[in-house]
Protein backbone atom coordinates (compact mmCIF):
# COMPACT_ATOMS: atom_id res chain seq x y z
CA MET A 1 -7.23 -19.06 -14.77
CA GLY A 2 -3.84 -17.23 -14.63
CA GLY A 3 -5.14 -14.29 -16.20
CA LEU A 4 -8.24 -13.77 -13.69
CA LEU A 5 -5.74 -14.32 -10.63
CA SER A 6 -3.30 -11.66 -12.21
CA GLY A 7 -6.26 -9.22 -12.81
CA LEU A 8 -7.46 -9.60 -9.29
CA GLY A 9 -4.05 -9.16 -7.97
CA GLY A 10 -3.66 -5.94 -10.18
CA ILE A 11 -6.83 -4.56 -8.60
CA CYS A 12 -5.56 -5.32 -5.03
CA GLY A 13 -2.14 -3.73 -6.01
CA LEU A 14 -3.89 -0.48 -7.56
CA ALA A 15 -6.11 -0.13 -4.21
CA ALA A 16 -2.80 -0.65 -2.15
CA PHE A 17 -0.90 1.94 -4.32
CA VAL A 18 -3.84 4.51 -4.05
CA CYS A 19 -3.82 4.13 -0.20
CA SER A 20 0.02 4.52 0.13
CA ILE A 21 -0.35 7.65 -2.09
CA ILE A 22 -2.88 8.82 0.47
CA ILE A 23 -0.27 8.19 3.50
CA LEU A 24 2.36 9.78 1.46
CA ILE A 25 0.48 12.96 0.78
CA ALA A 26 -0.44 13.12 4.58
CA ALA A 27 3.38 12.71 5.47
CA PHE A 28 4.11 15.63 3.22
CA LYS A 29 1.22 17.84 4.41
CA ASP A 30 2.60 17.06 8.05
CA GLU A 31 6.33 18.08 7.20
CA THR A 32 8.27 17.91 4.22
CA VAL A 33 10.94 15.81 5.92
CA LYS A 34 8.62 13.31 6.92
CA GLY A 35 7.23 12.96 3.20
CA ILE A 36 10.91 12.66 2.00
CA LEU A 37 11.70 9.86 4.64
CA CYS A 38 8.60 8.08 3.53
CA LEU A 39 9.87 8.29 -0.24
CA CYS A 40 13.54 7.40 0.68
CA VAL A 41 13.79 5.21 3.92
CA PRO A 42 11.95 1.80 3.20
CA PHE A 43 10.27 0.99 6.35
CA TYR A 44 9.63 4.63 7.69
CA ILE A 45 6.26 4.62 5.60
CA LEU A 46 5.20 1.80 7.61
CA TYR A 47 6.17 3.52 10.99
CA TYR A 48 4.33 6.59 9.73
CA GLY A 49 1.40 4.68 8.60
CA PHE A 50 0.83 2.93 11.94
CA VAL A 51 2.25 5.90 14.45
CA VAL A 52 2.10 9.20 13.08
CA PHE A 53 -0.74 9.10 10.38
CA GLU A 54 -3.90 10.72 11.48
CA HIS A 55 -7.10 10.22 9.52
CA GLU A 56 -10.55 9.52 10.16
CA LYS A 57 -10.52 6.18 8.15
CA LYS A 58 -6.96 5.33 9.18
CA GLY A 59 -7.78 1.81 9.97
CA LEU A 60 -9.34 1.27 6.26
CA ILE A 61 -6.71 3.07 4.64
CA VAL A 62 -3.74 1.25 6.46
CA GLY A 63 -5.64 -2.05 6.11
CA VAL A 64 -6.32 -1.84 2.32
CA TRP A 65 -2.64 -0.61 1.91
CA LEU A 66 -0.94 -3.68 3.74
CA GLY A 67 -3.63 -6.26 2.92
CA GLY A 68 -3.85 -5.11 -0.81
CA GLY A 69 -0.01 -5.47 -1.12
CA ILE A 70 -0.04 -8.83 0.43
CA ILE A 71 -2.91 -10.11 -1.61
CA ASN A 72 -1.48 -8.69 -4.81
CA ALA A 73 2.03 -10.55 -4.15
CA LEU A 74 0.05 -13.78 -3.27
CA LEU A 75 -2.18 -13.85 -6.28
CA GLN A 76 0.62 -12.67 -8.90
CA VAL A 77 2.57 -15.88 -7.49
CA ALA A 78 -0.46 -18.08 -7.87
CA ALA A 79 -1.08 -16.41 -11.38
CA MET A 80 2.50 -17.47 -12.36
CA SER A 81 2.35 -20.89 -11.20
CA ALA A 82 -1.20 -21.48 -12.83
CA SER A 83 0.01 -20.71 -16.24
């Protein structure tokens, strides 16, 4: 059971990682300084994703980024306690 939860968490984490890369690429395309801020300042990417980020599928990208990260964390903790 722990392996299944860990695998599902890994898939959610991978989806969140891909969405964060999409946001990061958009930040670098917008301005190099914004891209560097997204990399170096912990909560700037959160601000950029909600306020500045423009994409036709912004809601889906930001939702998968945050939701996938949260679900990943919860499933990894559940997998550790199930083992």
